[in-house]
Amino acid sequence: MRRLFWLGLGVTVGALVVRRLSAAAQKLTPGGIAESLTGGLSQLAEAIGEFAGDVRTAMSEREKELRAGVGLDGQLGAKPEDFTA
């Protein structure tokens, strides 16, 4: 009974090791490297898009503050806190 347990455990561990090594070997093939590179570039493009959106939002808010400060909004001398977006 003990031998059967250890045999089963050995087969299971061996199968897991083979699967992990196969996955690692796949990542080192030209196709695997291309997939990794493509995934990384798509994540980078998504992050740049989010950053650009944040910059546009902040730019718009700052422009409202500046317009309020110089009186281009029609209320000279008003504080930016007086306005709600």
C-alpha atoms as a PDB file:
ATOM      1  CA  MET A   1       0.000   0.000   0.000  1.00  0.00           C
ATOM      2  CA  ARG A   2       2.849   2.403   0.804  1.00  0.00           C
ATOM      3  CA  ARG A   3       4.554   1.646  -2.482  1.00  0.00           C
ATOM      4  CA  LEU A   4       1.375   2.384  -4.384  1.00  0.00           C
ATOM      5  CA  PHE A   5       1.040   5.729  -2.572  1.00  0.00           C
ATOM      6  CA  TRP A   6       4.628   6.724  -3.352  1.00  0.00           C
ATOM      7  CA  LEU A   7       4.262   5.574  -6.949  1.00  0.00           C
ATOM      8  CA  GLY A   8       1.122   7.683  -7.360  1.00  0.00           C
ATOM      9  CA  LEU A   9       2.800  10.665  -5.728  1.00  0.00           C
ATOM     10  CA  GLY A  10       5.839  10.277  -7.987  1.00  0.00           C
ATOM     11  CA  VAL A  11       3.716  10.059 -11.121  1.00  0.00           C
ATOM     12  CA  THR A  12       1.735  13.152 -10.096  1.00  0.00           C
ATOM     13  CA  VAL A  13       4.832  15.206  -9.282  1.00  0.00           C
ATOM     14  CA  GLY A  14       6.489  14.024 -12.487  1.00  0.00           C
ATOM     15  CA  ALA A  15       3.489  15.053 -14.565  1.00  0.00           C
ATOM     16  CA  LEU A  16       3.423  18.495 -12.942  1.00  0.00           C
ATOM     17  CA  VAL A  17       7.137  18.990 -13.547  1.00  0.00           C
ATOM     18  CA  VAL A  18       6.823  17.955 -17.196  1.00  0.00           C
ATOM     19  CA  ARG A  19       3.914  20.354 -17.713  1.00  0.00           C
ATOM     20  CA  ARG A  20       5.821  23.261 -16.161  1.00  0.00           C
ATOM     21  CA  LEU A  21       8.945  22.520 -18.168  1.00  0.00           C
ATOM     22  CA  SER A  22       6.890  22.264 -21.355  1.00  0.00           C
ATOM     23  CA  ALA A  23       5.273  25.632 -20.647  1.00  0.00           C
ATOM     24  CA  ALA A  24       8.683  27.203 -19.967  1.00  0.00           C
ATOM     25  CA  ALA A  25      10.099  25.689 -23.168  1.00  0.00           C
ATOM     26  CA  GLN A  26       7.110  27.041 -25.125  1.00  0.00           C
ATOM     27  CA  LYS A  27       7.836  30.545 -23.849  1.00  0.00           C
ATOM     28  CA  LEU A  28      11.385  30.300 -25.209  1.00  0.00           C
ATOM     29  CA  THR A  29      10.337  29.393 -28.747  1.00  0.00           C
ATOM     30  CA  PRO A  30      10.040  32.168 -31.350  1.00  0.00           C
ATOM     31  CA  GLY A  31       6.252  31.874 -31.239  1.00  0.00           C
ATOM     32  CA  GLY A  32       6.209  32.083 -27.442  1.00  0.00           C
ATOM     33  CA  ILE A  33       8.507  35.100 -27.448  1.00  0.00           C
ATOM     34  CA  ALA A  34       6.301  36.788 -30.056  1.00  0.00           C
ATOM     35  CA  GLU A  35       3.197  36.158 -27.911  1.00  0.00           C
ATOM     36  CA  SER A  36       4.917  37.607 -24.843  1.00  0.00           C
ATOM     37  CA  LEU A  37       6.081  40.632 -26.786  1.00  0.00           C
ATOM     38  CA  THR A  38       2.648  41.192 -28.299  1.00  0.00           C
ATOM     39  CA  GLY A  39       1.001  40.948 -24.880  1.00  0.00           C
ATOM     40  CA  GLY A  40       3.497  43.374 -23.359  1.00  0.00           C
ATOM     41  CA  LEU A  41       3.043  45.882 -26.159  1.00  0.00           C
ATOM     42  CA  SER A  42      -0.740  45.755 -25.885  1.00  0.00           C
ATOM     43  CA  GLN A  43      -0.517  46.375 -22.133  1.00  0.00           C
ATOM     44  CA  LEU A  44       1.843  49.291 -22.777  1.00  0.00           C
ATOM     45  CA  ALA A  45      -0.540  50.784 -25.345  1.00  0.00           C
ATOM     46  CA  GLU A  46      -3.441  50.443 -22.910  1.00  0.00           C
ATOM     47  CA  ALA A  47      -1.456  52.145 -20.130  1.00  0.00           C
ATOM     48  CA  ILE A  48      -0.467  55.006 -22.442  1.00  0.00           C
ATOM     49  CA  GLY A  49      -4.113  55.453 -23.447  1.00  0.00           C
ATOM     50  CA  GLU A  50      -5.218  55.608 -19.809  1.00  0.00           C
ATOM     51  CA  PHE A  51      -2.442  58.104 -19.032  1.00  0.00           C
ATOM     52  CA  ALA A  52      -3.490  60.304 -21.970  1.00  0.00           C
ATOM     53  CA  GLY A  53      -7.084  60.257 -20.716  1.00  0.00           C
ATOM     54  CA  ASP A  54      -5.965  61.298 -17.235  1.00  0.00           C
ATOM     55  CA  VAL A  55      -3.864  64.114 -18.708  1.00  0.00           C
ATOM     56  CA  ARG A  56      -6.816  65.378 -20.788  1.00  0.00           C
ATOM     57  CA  THR A  57      -9.077  65.367 -17.726  1.00  0.00           C
ATOM     58  CA  ALA A  58      -6.540  67.226 -15.584  1.00  0.00           C
ATOM     59  CA  MET A  59      -5.865  69.688 -18.408  1.00  0.00           C
ATOM     60  CA  SER A  60      -9.564  70.449 -18.727  1.00  0.00           C
ATOM     61  CA  GLU A  61      -9.934  71.016 -14.987  1.00  0.00           C
ATOM     62  CA  ARG A  62      -6.885  73.283 -14.894  1.00  0.00           C
ATOM     63  CA  GLU A  63      -8.159  75.266 -17.874  1.00  0.00           C
ATOM     64  CA  LYS A  64     -11.438  75.887 -16.026  1.00  0.00           C
ATOM     65  CA  GLU A  65      -9.496  77.105 -12.992  1.00  0.00           C
ATOM     66  CA  LEU A  66      -7.347  79.426 -15.089  1.00  0.00           C
ATOM     67  CA  ARG A  67     -10.343  80.827 -16.971  1.00  0.00           C
ATOM     68  CA  ALA A  68     -12.093  81.499 -13.675  1.00  0.00           C
ATOM     69  CA  GLY A  69      -8.967  83.167 -12.283  1.00  0.00           C
ATOM     70  CA  VAL A  70      -8.515  85.625 -15.160  1.00  0.00           C
ATOM     71  CA  GLY A  71     -12.200  86.356 -15.647  1.00  0.00           C
ATOM     72  CA  LEU A  72     -12.726  84.662 -18.997  1.00  0.00           C
ATOM     73  CA  ASP A  73     -15.730  82.851 -17.607  1.00  0.00           C
ATOM     74  CA  GLY A  74     -17.716  86.059 -17.213  1.00  0.00           C
ATOM     75  CA  GLN A  75     -17.227  86.516 -13.460  1.00  0.00           C
ATOM     76  CA  LEU A  76     -14.090  88.562 -12.821  1.00  0.00           C
ATOM     77  CA  GLY A  77     -12.526  88.005  -9.416  1.00  0.00           C
ATOM     78  CA  ALA A  78     -14.476  84.857  -8.630  1.00  0.00           C
ATOM     79  CA  LYS A  79     -12.599  82.048  -6.898  1.00  0.00           C
ATOM     80  CA  PRO A  80     -12.378  78.565  -8.474  1.00  0.00           C
ATOM     81  CA  GLU A  81     -14.083  77.169  -5.353  1.00  0.00           C
ATOM     82  CA  ASP A  82     -17.201  79.164  -6.243  1.00  0.00           C
ATOM     83  CA  PHE A  83     -17.737  76.991  -9.302  1.00  0.00           C
ATOM     84  CA  THR A  84     -18.796  73.393  -9.315  1.00  0.00           C
ATOM     85  CA  ALA A  85     -18.222  71.216 -12.334  1.00  0.00           C
END
